[in-house]
Amino acid sequence: MTASADAASPGEACSNSQLVAIADASRSLDEGLRGDALASACDQPIAALLSQLETTAECRPDALWVASRCAAAGGHVSAVINRLGQIAAEHPDAARAADALHQLGVEYQSVARFSDAAAAFERFVQEYPKDPRGADALARAFALRGELGERAAASAAADRFQSLYGRARPHQAARIDWARGALLDAGDHAARYEHARAWLKRYGRKASPDLRAQAEVAVGEHLLRRACDGRDPAAGCFARTRAGGPSVAPARAGLERAQARVDELTWRQEKRAEIMKQLAKKSPGSRPSEQRVQHELRLATIRAKRAAFTMPKRCGGSSSVSVVVHPRKRALVEKAQQHFDRVLAMHRRGGRALLAQLASDAEGPAREAALLDAVARASLYTADLELTAYLELRAPAGLDFHVENWRHGAGSSKWERIYEEQLAERARSMRAFKRFYSEKERRGEALRERYAEVVKLAVPRWSAVASARAGLVFESFADELRRTPLPGSFKVEEQYDAFCDAADGQAAPLERVAADAYGQCAVLATRVGAELELQRACARAASQLAGHAGGEPRELYSRRSLEVGEVAPQRVGVVIE
């Protein structure tokens, strides 16, 4: 039979030889031929056959399908798209039409023609809504529209998914509905809160644990933001500054001026003459001894220096750290904590089982990272509630440890009574300070452990933030010691120096630990990559404290907890079921 005789007339069935040619080309694909052998057995015969077939020939869709497979085997993606497009456009009622349209979307996506891919998947669902691949196609269309920033089209795809496949695919519907939140403006916190709250109300415990955890934390974060007048919960409801502390420099400058004054010969001569007149009035007719005059001159010098030195109210310098705790709305904080508690309880109950469940999923790593990210945030915010109370715990005022031992046994009942009162005041002050110190130390250790647990979750961003919080715990304690209110009985510089040197001695070890924590924060923030501001802040704090406290650095957390299993948070996509 000649080629012209074999050619099918419009509307006619294909000849046996044409059907055999299609079958032979398909068989060559199953044999795994490549290169010239593939072109000889598949590409060339199918191309020749298609040139003979009319558009209405019954076997033309099958020939185009095999031609697309031949092109795919040869790596000719543009030819694949062309052949599949011909089937979809010219033969929408053919048996291969659904396969061709779905595969067309896949091919478009493989070459980053995302808009065309989304349109192909949407058309597939519109024309073949009952096809088993419909849910997968619409999920792909939603994800692609979202990536392209086409919010209206993505939202329409999500609505259509809920309408067509919501009941049959509840878990996938929940995932798509949650992903709709990413379409909202990042700064529209109210809209994101309403979306998360509505999602929890609709799906709640029926959804997968990673989505539930994210939704609970999202709602809790918004409540914390409202509780702290719009401040970012990740930054905490407090602020760290290093300016405005008390300074003893002006007082020392006045003292130096007084010292220079009393060292002047003119001043000493004038003061000596004044003392001689005063003593003469007390003892008329007798000349005061030189020893008595020198004694009174020494007392006058001390009084002049004391008058020139204005005692600061606290220890510390102008470079001291200052932590400002912002007021929060307690009712909103308590509501937020309920959401965080649910996430932490779910993680405690499930633990490894939850992670194993996620690992069996096609998007297991991303979903596992999302769950751990939510757990880390819930753990951090829970610890922050305790940190706020810790920062508000201040050293007691009115302490007085000064005792004038020279009064004891001097033979004066008045001086002995003053001495006994000073002993009692020192004992009271010691008890008050020990209570403060013990409570601060207990809470600080508990917080260190809480933030260490966040670090062990190995989510880089939140591990970095938790390390910064741990640094703040120890730094604020050191600052509280350095800025302890001075006793009201202090009058001279020597008392100030002795008291504040002792406070410095207690604060220095805490500052070394804080410097290590800030240094760890800087390392972790660098690994995250996008946390440049946090990295700089932590590095700056570590440098300031290392220079201030001195000494050898010490480990705060084990290196292993930071390096093993570290997974950066990723955007959670749409699960294809």
Protein backbone atom coordinates (compact mmCIF):
# COMPACT_ATOMS: atom_id res chain seq x y z
CA MET A 1 0.00 0.00 0.00
CA THR A 2 1.44 3.41 -0.95
CA ALA A 3 1.78 6.29 1.41
CA SER A 4 -0.93 8.23 -0.41
CA ALA A 5 -3.25 5.28 -0.20
CA ASP A 6 -2.48 4.88 3.50
CA ALA A 7 -3.33 8.50 4.29
CA ALA A 8 -6.63 8.78 6.11
CA SER A 9 -9.37 10.91 4.68
CA PRO A 10 -10.97 13.54 6.91
CA GLY A 11 -13.09 11.79 9.52
CA GLU A 12 -11.90 8.37 8.53
CA ALA A 13 -10.24 5.81 10.75
CA CYS A 14 -6.50 5.36 10.49
CA SER A 15 -5.10 2.48 8.48
CA ASN A 16 -3.49 -0.57 10.02
CA SER A 17 -0.03 0.48 8.86
CA GLN A 18 -0.42 3.86 10.61
CA LEU A 19 -1.52 2.19 13.82
CA VAL A 20 1.44 -0.20 13.57
CA ALA A 21 3.80 2.76 13.10
CA ILE A 22 2.46 4.36 16.28
CA ALA A 23 2.80 1.08 18.19
CA ASP A 24 6.38 0.50 16.93
CA ALA A 25 7.44 4.00 18.01
CA SER A 26 5.90 3.47 21.44
CA ARG A 27 7.67 0.13 21.77
CA SER A 28 11.04 1.75 21.02
CA LEU A 29 10.49 4.00 24.04
CA ASP A 30 9.82 0.99 26.25
CA GLU A 31 13.11 -0.53 25.05
CA GLY A 32 14.99 2.48 26.35
CA LEU A 33 16.60 3.54 23.07
CA ARG A 34 18.58 6.77 23.09
CA GLY A 35 20.43 9.02 20.64
CA ASP A 36 20.46 8.10 16.97
CA ALA A 37 18.69 4.82 17.65
CA LEU A 38 15.81 6.68 19.29
CA ALA A 39 15.61 9.19 16.45
CA SER A 40 15.56 6.39 13.86
CA ALA A 41 12.97 4.25 15.66
CA CYS A 42 10.75 6.95 17.18
CA ASP A 43 11.25 10.59 16.21
CA GLN A 44 11.56 10.21 12.46
CA PRO A 45 8.73 7.67 11.85
CA ILE A 46 6.28 9.62 14.04
CA ALA A 47 7.21 12.93 12.39
CA ALA A 48 6.63 11.38 8.95
CA LEU A 49 3.30 9.91 10.05
CA LEU A 50 2.06 13.21 11.48
CA SER A 51 2.85 14.94 8.19
CA GLN A 52 0.47 12.48 6.48
CA LEU A 53 -2.40 12.61 9.00
CA GLU A 54 -5.20 15.07 8.74
CA THR A 55 -6.14 17.05 11.85
CA THR A 56 -9.38 15.03 12.13
CA ALA A 57 -7.78 11.62 11.84
CA GLU A 58 -8.82 9.39 14.73
CA CYS A 59 -5.28 8.21 15.49
CA ARG A 60 -3.70 11.66 15.39
CA PRO A 61 -4.04 12.30 19.16
CA ASP A 62 -2.23 8.98 19.87
CA ALA A 63 0.47 9.88 17.36
CA LEU A 64 0.97 13.30 18.98
CA TRP A 65 1.15 11.66 22.39
CA VAL A 66 3.84 9.24 21.28
CA ALA A 67 5.65 12.10 19.56
CA SER A 68 5.69 14.01 22.86
CA ARG A 69 7.17 10.98 24.61
CA CYS A 70 9.83 10.63 21.92
CA ALA A 71 10.75 14.29 22.34
CA ALA A 72 10.86 13.92 26.13
CA ALA A 73 13.18 10.91 25.85
CA GLY A 74 15.46 12.99 23.66
CA GLY A 75 15.37 15.97 26.05
CA HIS A 76 13.54 18.28 23.64
CA VAL A 77 11.22 20.07 26.07
CA SER A 78 9.98 22.66 23.60
CA ALA A 79 8.92 19.88 21.22
CA VAL A 80 7.16 18.10 24.10
CA ILE A 81 5.20 21.26 24.94
CA ASN A 82 4.33 21.80 21.29
CA ARG A 83 2.95 18.25 20.80
CA LEU A 84 0.98 18.29 24.07
CA GLY A 85 -0.41 21.71 23.23
CA GLN A 86 -1.62 20.39 19.88
CA ILE A 87 -3.54 17.59 21.57
CA ALA A 88 -5.15 19.97 24.08
CA ALA A 89 -6.09 22.52 21.43
CA GLU A 90 -7.06 20.30 18.47
CA HIS A 91 -8.44 17.20 20.18
CA PRO A 92 -10.12 18.20 23.46
CA ASP A 93 -12.46 15.16 23.30
CA ALA A 94 -9.76 12.58 22.65
CA ALA A 95 -8.92 9.90 25.20
CA ARG A 96 -5.42 11.39 25.56
CA ALA A 97 -6.63 14.95 26.00
CA ALA A 98 -6.74 14.86 29.82
CA ASP A 99 -3.29 13.24 30.02
CA ALA A 100 -1.91 15.78 27.57
CA LEU A 101 -3.30 18.82 29.40
CA HIS A 102 -2.06 17.65 32.80
CA GLN A 103 1.38 16.81 31.44
CA LEU A 104 1.48 20.16 29.68
CA GLY A 105 1.21 21.88 33.05
CA VAL A 106 4.01 19.68 34.41
CA GLU A 107 6.26 20.51 31.46
CA TYR A 108 5.60 24.24 31.73
CA GLN A 109 6.50 24.11 35.40
CA SER A 110 9.74 22.22 34.68
CA VAL A 111 10.99 25.08 32.48
CA ALA A 112 9.84 27.81 34.92
CA ARG A 113 6.93 28.99 32.76
CA PHE A 114 4.88 29.23 35.93
CA SER A 115 2.02 31.36 34.66
CA ASP A 116 1.45 28.98 31.73
CA ALA A 117 1.71 26.00 34.08
CA ALA A 118 -0.91 27.45 36.44
CA ALA A 119 -3.25 28.18 33.52
CA ALA A 120 -2.85 24.62 32.22
CA PHE A 121 -3.62 23.10 35.63
CA GLU A 122 -6.64 25.38 36.11
CA ARG A 123 -7.96 24.46 32.67
CA PHE A 124 -7.41 20.79 33.46
CA VAL A 125 -9.57 21.06 36.58
CA GLN A 126 -12.22 23.04 34.74
CA GLU A 127 -12.50 20.50 31.91
CA TYR A 128 -11.93 17.32 33.93
CA PRO A 129 -13.07 18.08 37.50
CA LYS A 130 -13.64 14.41 38.35
CA ASP A 131 -10.23 13.25 37.19
CA PRO A 132 -8.25 11.78 40.15
CA ARG A 133 -5.41 14.19 39.35
CA GLY A 134 -7.65 17.24 39.73
CA ALA A 135 -6.78 17.93 43.37
CA ASP A 136 -3.07 17.71 42.62
CA ALA A 137 -3.45 20.05 39.64
CA LEU A 138 -5.41 22.67 41.56
CA ALA A 139 -2.97 22.53 44.47
CA ARG A 140 -0.14 23.16 42.03
CA ALA A 141 -2.05 26.05 40.45
CA PHE A 142 -2.61 27.63 43.88
CA ALA A 143 1.07 27.33 44.81
CA LEU A 144 2.21 28.76 41.48
CA ARG A 145 -0.18 31.70 41.61
CA GLY A 146 1.02 32.44 45.12
CA GLU A 147 4.68 32.33 44.08
CA LEU A 148 3.90 34.72 41.22
CA GLY A 149 2.24 37.15 43.64
CA GLU A 150 -1.12 36.80 41.87
CA ARG A 151 -3.15 36.94 45.06
CA ALA A 152 -6.62 37.10 43.56
CA ALA A 153 -5.97 34.13 41.26
CA ALA A 154 -4.38 32.16 44.11
CA SER A 155 -7.31 32.88 46.40
CA ALA A 156 -9.74 31.81 43.67
CA ALA A 157 -7.82 28.54 43.24
CA ALA A 158 -7.99 27.92 47.01
CA ASP A 159 -11.74 28.57 47.04
CA ARG A 160 -12.24 26.18 44.14
CA PHE A 161 -10.18 23.52 45.89
CA GLN A 162 -12.35 23.77 48.99
CA SER A 163 -15.48 23.51 46.84
CA LEU A 164 -14.37 20.54 44.73
CA TYR A 165 -12.04 18.53 46.97
CA GLY A 166 -12.41 19.87 50.52
CA ARG A 167 -14.39 16.89 51.82
CA ALA A 168 -12.41 14.22 49.99
CA ARG A 169 -9.02 15.75 50.84
CA PRO A 170 -9.47 17.44 54.25
CA HIS A 171 -5.76 17.45 55.19
CA GLN A 172 -4.70 18.91 51.88
CA ALA A 173 -7.55 21.43 52.08
CA ALA A 174 -6.34 22.50 55.52
CA ARG A 175 -2.80 22.96 54.22
CA ILE A 176 -3.94 25.06 51.27
CA ASP A 177 -6.22 27.13 53.49
CA TRP A 178 -3.34 27.78 55.88
CA ALA A 179 -1.03 28.73 53.02
CA ARG A 180 -3.52 31.44 52.07
CA GLY A 181 -2.20 33.43 55.00
CA ALA A 182 1.05 33.98 53.08
CA LEU A 183 -0.96 35.94 50.50
CA LEU A 184 -1.73 38.63 53.10
CA ASP A 185 0.51 41.65 53.53
CA ALA A 186 3.35 40.95 55.97
CA GLY A 187 2.53 44.11 57.90
CA ASP A 188 -1.21 43.45 58.13
CA HIS A 189 -1.01 41.73 61.51
CA ALA A 190 -4.73 42.02 62.17
CA ALA A 191 -5.64 40.21 58.93
CA ARG A 192 -3.10 37.47 59.59
CA TYR A 193 -4.45 37.07 63.11
CA GLU A 194 -8.04 36.73 61.87
CA HIS A 195 -6.93 34.22 59.26
CA ALA A 196 -5.08 32.08 61.82
CA ARG A 197 -7.96 32.26 64.30
CA ALA A 198 -10.52 31.30 61.63
CA TRP A 199 -8.29 28.45 60.49
CA LEU A 200 -8.05 27.06 64.03
CA LYS A 201 -11.80 27.30 64.45
CA ARG A 202 -12.40 25.44 61.19
CA TYR A 203 -9.77 22.70 61.41
CA GLY A 204 -8.47 22.67 65.01
CA ARG A 205 -7.38 19.24 66.15
CA LYS A 206 -8.27 17.66 62.80
CA ALA A 207 -5.28 19.25 61.06
CA SER A 208 -1.69 17.99 61.00
CA PRO A 209 0.48 18.92 64.02
CA ASP A 210 2.85 21.19 62.10
CA LEU A 211 -0.01 23.36 60.85
CA ARG A 212 -1.76 23.44 64.22
CA ALA A 213 1.46 24.53 65.91
CA GLN A 214 2.03 27.31 63.39
CA ALA A 215 -1.53 28.58 63.72
CA GLU A 216 -1.48 28.54 67.53
CA VAL A 217 1.80 30.45 67.62
CA ALA A 218 0.57 32.96 65.03
CA VAL A 219 -2.47 33.78 67.16
CA GLY A 220 -0.35 33.99 70.33
CA GLU A 221 2.18 36.28 68.65
CA HIS A 222 -0.53 38.69 67.58
CA LEU A 223 -1.93 38.80 71.11
CA LEU A 224 1.54 39.51 72.50
CA ARG A 225 1.98 42.27 69.94
CA ARG A 226 -1.26 43.88 71.07
CA ALA A 227 -0.33 43.40 74.73
CA CYS A 228 2.89 45.38 74.21
CA ASP A 229 1.46 48.25 72.11
CA GLY A 230 2.45 46.83 68.73
CA ARG A 231 6.04 45.82 69.51
CA ASP A 232 7.45 42.77 67.76
CA PRO A 233 7.22 39.74 70.10
CA ALA A 234 10.55 38.44 68.80
CA ALA A 235 12.23 41.56 70.19
CA GLY A 236 10.51 41.16 73.57
CA CYS A 237 8.56 43.69 75.58
CA PHE A 238 11.76 45.29 76.82
CA ALA A 239 14.63 47.35 75.43
CA ARG A 240 18.37 47.24 76.13
CA THR A 241 20.40 50.46 76.08
CA ARG A 242 23.88 51.43 77.23
CA ALA A 243 23.52 55.09 78.12
CA GLY A 244 22.22 57.34 80.85
CA GLY A 245 23.63 55.56 83.88
CA PRO A 246 24.83 57.41 87.01
CA SER A 247 28.34 58.82 86.85
CA VAL A 248 30.75 59.66 89.66
CA ALA A 249 32.93 61.76 87.36
CA PRO A 250 31.39 65.15 88.31
CA ALA A 251 31.79 64.36 92.00
CA ARG A 252 35.41 63.33 91.51
CA ALA A 253 36.07 66.52 89.55
CA GLY A 254 34.68 68.60 92.43
CA LEU A 255 36.84 66.66 94.85
CA GLU A 256 39.95 67.29 92.77
CA ARG A 257 39.18 71.00 92.74
CA ALA A 258 38.76 70.93 96.53
CA GLN A 259 42.04 69.06 96.92
CA ALA A 260 43.83 71.64 94.84
CA ARG A 261 42.26 74.37 96.94
CA VAL A 262 43.27 72.94 100.34
CA ASP A 263 46.78 72.35 99.07
CA GLU A 264 47.22 76.06 98.44
CA LEU A 265 49.41 77.82 101.00
CA THR A 266 47.10 80.84 101.11
CA TRP A 267 44.10 78.67 102.05
CA ARG A 268 46.03 76.91 104.80
CA GLN A 269 47.27 80.18 106.21
CA GLU A 270 43.81 81.71 106.19
CA LYS A 271 42.25 78.59 107.76
CA ARG A 272 45.00 78.48 110.45
CA ALA A 273 44.36 82.08 111.40
CA GLU A 274 40.62 81.37 111.58
CA ILE A 275 41.20 78.36 113.84
CA MET A 276 43.48 80.36 116.15
CA LYS A 277 40.75 82.99 116.65
CA GLN A 278 38.11 80.34 117.41
CA LEU A 279 40.31 78.60 119.98
CA ALA A 280 41.25 81.93 121.58
CA LYS A 281 37.59 82.73 122.12
CA LYS A 282 37.07 79.38 123.83
CA SER A 283 40.10 79.82 126.12
CA PRO A 284 40.79 83.60 126.66
CA GLY A 285 44.25 84.45 127.94
CA SER A 286 45.87 81.13 126.92
CA ARG A 287 47.66 80.27 123.67
CA PRO A 288 46.42 77.01 122.01
CA SER A 289 48.98 74.26 121.48
CA GLU A 290 50.38 73.59 118.02
CA GLN A 291 49.10 70.01 118.24
CA ARG A 292 45.53 71.24 118.79
CA VAL A 293 45.80 73.68 115.89
CA GLN A 294 47.08 70.97 113.52
CA HIS A 295 44.24 68.67 114.59
CA GLU A 296 41.60 71.30 113.85
CA LEU A 297 43.29 72.06 110.52
CA ARG A 298 43.09 68.39 109.51
CA LEU A 299 39.38 68.31 110.41
CA ALA A 300 38.77 71.45 108.35
CA THR A 301 40.52 69.86 105.39
CA ILE A 302 38.34 66.72 105.67
CA ARG A 303 35.19 68.84 105.90
CA ALA A 304 36.20 70.80 102.80
CA LYS A 305 36.76 67.64 100.80
CA ARG A 306 33.50 66.10 102.03
CA ALA A 307 31.57 69.20 101.04
CA ALA A 308 33.10 69.08 97.55
CA PHE A 309 32.23 65.39 96.94
CA THR A 310 28.57 64.86 96.07
CA MET A 311 27.80 61.21 96.71
CA PRO A 312 26.04 59.49 93.74
CA LYS A 313 22.86 57.57 94.52
CA ARG A 314 24.13 54.38 92.85
CA CYS A 315 27.29 52.67 91.69
CA GLY A 316 27.87 52.28 87.95
CA GLY A 317 29.14 54.50 85.17
CA SER A 318 27.69 56.39 82.27
CA SER A 319 28.23 53.33 80.01
CA SER A 320 26.16 50.96 82.14
CA VAL A 321 23.47 48.87 80.44
CA SER A 322 19.89 49.80 81.11
CA VAL A 323 16.93 47.49 80.46
CA VAL A 324 13.55 49.17 80.10
CA VAL A 325 10.56 46.86 80.68
CA HIS A 326 7.51 48.10 78.80
CA PRO A 327 4.07 47.76 80.38
CA ARG A 328 1.90 44.93 79.03
CA LYS A 329 -1.79 44.15 79.10
CA ARG A 330 -2.02 41.13 81.39
CA ALA A 331 -5.29 39.73 79.98
CA LEU A 332 -3.84 39.56 76.44
CA VAL A 333 -0.61 38.01 77.72
CA GLU A 334 -2.57 35.27 79.49
CA LYS A 335 -4.59 34.52 76.34
CA ALA A 336 -1.41 34.33 74.28
CA GLN A 337 0.16 31.94 76.77
CA GLN A 338 -2.78 29.55 76.39
CA HIS A 339 -1.91 29.15 72.70
CA PHE A 340 1.77 28.63 73.45
CA ASP A 341 0.92 26.07 76.13
CA ARG A 342 -1.08 24.03 73.62
CA VAL A 343 1.88 23.91 71.24
CA LEU A 344 4.30 22.86 73.98
CA ALA A 345 1.88 20.26 75.37
CA MET A 346 1.43 18.79 71.89
CA HIS A 347 5.19 18.60 71.45
CA ARG A 348 5.69 17.00 74.87
CA ARG A 349 3.04 14.36 74.16
CA GLY A 350 4.13 13.62 70.60
CA GLY A 351 7.83 14.40 70.50
CA ARG A 352 9.66 12.02 68.22
CA ALA A 353 6.45 10.34 67.08
CA LEU A 354 5.29 13.63 65.57
CA LEU A 355 8.57 14.08 63.75
CA ALA A 356 8.48 10.50 62.50
CA GLN A 357 4.95 11.07 61.20
CA LEU A 358 6.11 14.13 59.28
CA ALA A 359 9.21 12.36 57.95
CA SER A 360 7.00 9.89 56.05
CA ASP A 361 5.52 12.77 54.03
CA ALA A 362 6.87 13.93 50.68
CA GLU A 363 7.52 17.36 52.19
CA GLY A 364 8.66 15.90 55.50
CA PRO A 365 11.83 18.00 55.99
CA ALA A 366 10.01 21.28 55.39
CA ARG A 367 7.10 20.29 57.62
CA GLU A 368 9.45 19.10 60.37
CA ALA A 369 11.31 22.43 60.19
CA ALA A 370 8.00 24.31 60.42
CA LEU A 371 6.94 22.32 63.51
CA LEU A 372 10.26 22.87 65.28
CA ASP A 373 10.14 26.55 64.35
CA ALA A 374 6.71 26.89 65.99
CA VAL A 375 7.84 24.97 69.09
CA ALA A 376 10.94 27.16 69.38
CA ARG A 377 8.87 30.34 69.17
CA ALA A 378 6.36 29.08 71.75
CA SER A 379 9.22 28.10 74.08
CA LEU A 380 10.93 31.45 73.64
CA TYR A 381 7.79 33.49 74.32
CA THR A 382 6.98 31.38 77.37
CA ALA A 383 10.45 32.01 78.77
CA ASP A 384 10.09 35.71 77.96
CA LEU A 385 7.14 35.92 80.34
CA GLU A 386 9.44 34.80 83.16
CA LEU A 387 12.22 37.09 81.90
CA THR A 388 9.97 40.12 82.26
CA ALA A 389 9.30 39.31 85.92
CA TYR A 390 13.02 38.67 86.40
CA LEU A 391 13.96 42.07 84.96
CA GLU A 392 11.44 43.78 87.22
CA LEU A 393 13.07 42.27 90.32
CA ARG A 394 15.27 45.11 91.59
CA ALA A 395 17.81 45.35 94.37
CA PRO A 396 16.26 46.72 97.59
CA ALA A 397 16.86 50.35 98.43
CA GLY A 398 17.86 51.74 101.82
CA LEU A 399 20.64 49.22 102.46
CA ASP A 400 23.34 50.29 104.90
CA PHE A 401 26.34 48.09 105.65
CA HIS A 402 28.49 50.79 107.24
CA VAL A 403 29.51 50.30 110.89
CA GLU A 404 31.77 52.74 112.75
CA ASN A 405 33.70 50.32 114.90
CA TRP A 406 35.63 53.10 116.61
CA ARG A 407 32.46 54.04 118.51
CA HIS A 408 32.44 50.68 120.31
CA GLY A 409 34.24 50.74 123.68
CA ALA A 410 35.04 54.47 123.46
CA GLY A 411 33.46 55.13 126.86
CA SER A 412 30.44 57.04 125.55
CA SER A 413 26.94 55.62 126.03
CA LYS A 414 25.67 57.68 123.09
CA TRP A 415 28.35 56.35 120.76
CA GLU A 416 27.72 52.81 122.01
CA ARG A 417 23.99 53.17 121.22
CA ILE A 418 24.79 54.44 117.70
CA TYR A 419 27.17 51.52 117.22
CA GLU A 420 24.47 48.99 118.23
CA GLU A 421 21.97 50.62 115.86
CA GLN A 422 24.49 50.40 113.02
CA LEU A 423 25.04 46.70 113.72
CA ALA A 424 21.29 46.05 113.63
CA GLU A 425 20.91 48.03 110.38
CA ARG A 426 23.75 46.11 108.77
CA ALA A 427 22.17 42.79 109.76
CA ARG A 428 18.82 43.88 108.31
CA SER A 429 20.48 45.05 105.10
CA MET A 430 22.40 41.79 104.77
CA ARG A 431 19.20 39.75 105.10
CA ALA A 432 17.38 41.91 102.53
CA PHE A 433 20.25 41.75 100.07
CA LYS A 434 20.68 37.98 100.47
CA ARG A 435 16.96 37.45 99.79
CA PHE A 436 17.23 39.55 96.63
CA TYR A 437 20.44 37.87 95.49
CA SER A 438 19.15 34.32 96.09
CA GLU A 439 15.87 34.98 94.29
CA LYS A 440 17.62 36.67 91.38
CA GLU A 441 20.10 33.82 91.13
CA ARG A 442 17.36 31.15 91.28
CA ARG A 443 15.27 32.81 88.58
CA GLY A 444 18.32 33.48 86.43
CA GLU A 445 19.36 29.83 86.49
CA ALA A 446 15.83 28.73 85.61
CA LEU A 447 15.79 31.15 82.69
CA ARG A 448 19.19 29.96 81.50
CA GLU A 449 17.81 26.43 81.34
CA ARG A 450 14.66 27.56 79.52
CA TYR A 451 16.63 29.38 76.84
CA ALA A 452 19.09 26.48 76.59
CA GLU A 453 16.13 24.25 75.67
CA VAL A 454 15.28 26.64 72.83
CA VAL A 455 18.88 26.50 71.61
CA LYS A 456 18.79 22.68 71.63
CA LEU A 457 15.89 22.68 69.19
CA ALA A 458 18.55 23.79 66.65
CA VAL A 459 16.39 26.29 64.78
CA PRO A 460 19.10 28.86 63.99
CA ARG A 461 17.11 32.09 64.18
CA TRP A 462 15.40 31.28 67.46
CA SER A 463 18.56 29.71 68.87
CA ALA A 464 20.29 33.03 68.21
CA VAL A 465 17.48 35.02 69.83
CA ALA A 466 17.45 32.66 72.84
CA SER A 467 21.22 33.11 73.25
CA ALA A 468 20.74 36.88 73.21
CA ARG A 469 18.05 36.54 75.88
CA ALA A 470 20.41 34.44 78.03
CA GLY A 471 23.01 37.17 77.65
CA LEU A 472 20.46 39.72 78.79
CA VAL A 473 19.65 37.59 81.87
CA PHE A 474 23.23 37.65 83.12
CA GLU A 475 24.06 41.16 81.93
CA SER A 476 21.03 42.68 83.64
CA PHE A 477 21.90 40.85 86.89
CA ALA A 478 25.45 42.19 86.70
CA ASP A 479 24.12 45.67 86.05
CA GLU A 480 21.71 45.40 88.96
CA LEU A 481 24.65 44.61 91.24
CA ARG A 482 26.76 47.43 89.83
CA ARG A 483 23.87 49.88 90.23
CA THR A 484 22.91 48.87 93.77
CA PRO A 485 21.68 51.98 95.67
CA LEU A 486 24.34 53.40 97.96
CA PRO A 487 23.63 53.59 101.71
CA GLY A 488 22.42 56.99 102.81
CA SER A 489 25.07 57.13 105.53
CA PHE A 490 27.94 57.25 103.03
CA LYS A 491 29.71 60.61 103.09
CA VAL A 492 33.21 60.23 101.62
CA GLU A 493 34.78 58.93 98.44
CA GLU A 494 36.50 56.03 100.18
CA GLN A 495 33.15 54.57 101.22
CA TYR A 496 31.88 54.85 97.64
CA ASP A 497 34.98 53.14 96.24
CA ALA A 498 34.92 50.25 98.72
CA PHE A 499 31.21 49.55 98.23
CA CYS A 500 31.25 49.78 94.44
CA ASP A 501 34.46 47.78 94.06
CA ALA A 502 32.78 44.94 95.95
CA ALA A 503 29.76 45.17 93.61
CA ASP A 504 32.09 45.07 90.60
CA GLY A 505 33.71 41.93 91.95
CA GLN A 506 30.35 40.14 92.07
CA ALA A 507 29.24 41.45 88.67
CA ALA A 508 32.34 40.56 86.64
CA PRO A 509 31.75 36.74 86.47
CA LEU A 510 28.16 37.34 85.37
CA GLU A 511 29.33 39.67 82.61
CA ARG A 512 31.77 37.04 81.32
CA VAL A 513 28.94 34.52 80.98
CA ALA A 514 26.77 37.17 79.30
CA ALA A 515 29.58 37.94 76.83
CA ASP A 516 29.77 34.23 75.90
CA ALA A 517 26.01 34.10 75.34
CA TYR A 518 26.06 37.19 73.12
CA GLY A 519 29.01 35.75 71.20
CA GLN A 520 27.06 32.56 70.58
CA CYS A 521 24.12 34.64 69.38
CA ALA A 522 26.38 36.40 66.86
CA VAL A 523 27.60 33.06 65.47
CA LEU A 524 24.09 31.62 65.14
CA ALA A 525 22.68 34.80 63.60
CA THR A 526 25.43 34.64 60.98
CA ARG A 527 24.39 31.08 60.09
CA VAL A 528 20.81 32.18 59.55
CA GLY A 529 22.10 34.63 56.97
CA ALA A 530 19.26 37.16 57.07
CA GLU A 531 19.68 38.25 60.70
CA LEU A 532 22.38 40.87 60.08
CA GLU A 533 20.93 43.35 62.57
CA LEU A 534 20.77 40.73 65.33
CA GLN A 535 24.28 39.52 64.53
CA ARG A 536 25.69 43.03 64.81
CA ALA A 537 23.84 43.78 68.05
CA CYS A 538 25.05 40.57 69.69
CA ALA A 539 28.63 41.01 68.48
CA ARG A 540 28.66 44.57 69.80
CA ALA A 541 27.28 43.50 73.20
CA ALA A 542 29.79 40.64 73.45
CA SER A 543 32.68 42.99 72.67
CA GLN A 544 31.53 45.58 75.21
CA LEU A 545 31.15 43.02 77.98
CA ALA A 546 34.36 41.13 77.20
CA GLY A 547 36.32 44.35 77.53
CA HIS A 548 34.49 45.35 80.70
CA ALA A 549 34.54 42.05 82.60
CA GLY A 550 37.86 40.62 81.43
CA GLY A 551 38.92 37.06 82.21
CA GLU A 552 38.68 33.86 80.21
CA PRO A 553 35.43 33.12 78.29
CA ARG A 554 33.33 30.15 79.41
CA GLU A 555 30.98 27.81 77.59
CA LEU A 556 27.28 28.46 78.06
CA TYR A 557 25.93 25.63 75.88
CA SER A 558 27.56 22.57 74.38
CA ARG A 559 28.85 22.93 70.82
CA ARG A 560 27.14 19.68 69.85
CA SER A 561 23.69 21.05 70.64
CA LEU A 562 24.28 23.81 68.08
CA GLU A 563 25.78 21.77 65.25
CA VAL A 564 23.83 18.53 65.16
CA GLY A 565 20.55 18.52 63.27
CA GLU A 566 20.50 22.24 62.63
CA VAL A 567 17.69 23.04 60.18
CA ALA A 568 16.83 26.54 58.98
CA PRO A 569 13.13 27.40 58.91
CA GLN A 570 11.64 27.12 55.44
CA ARG A 571 8.41 28.20 53.85
CA VAL A 572 5.95 25.30 53.98
CA GLY A 573 4.51 24.51 50.57
CA VAL A 574 1.41 22.59 49.54
CA VAL A 575 1.32 18.85 50.09
CA ILE A 576 0.56 16.81 46.98
CA GLU A 577 -1.46 13.82 48.04
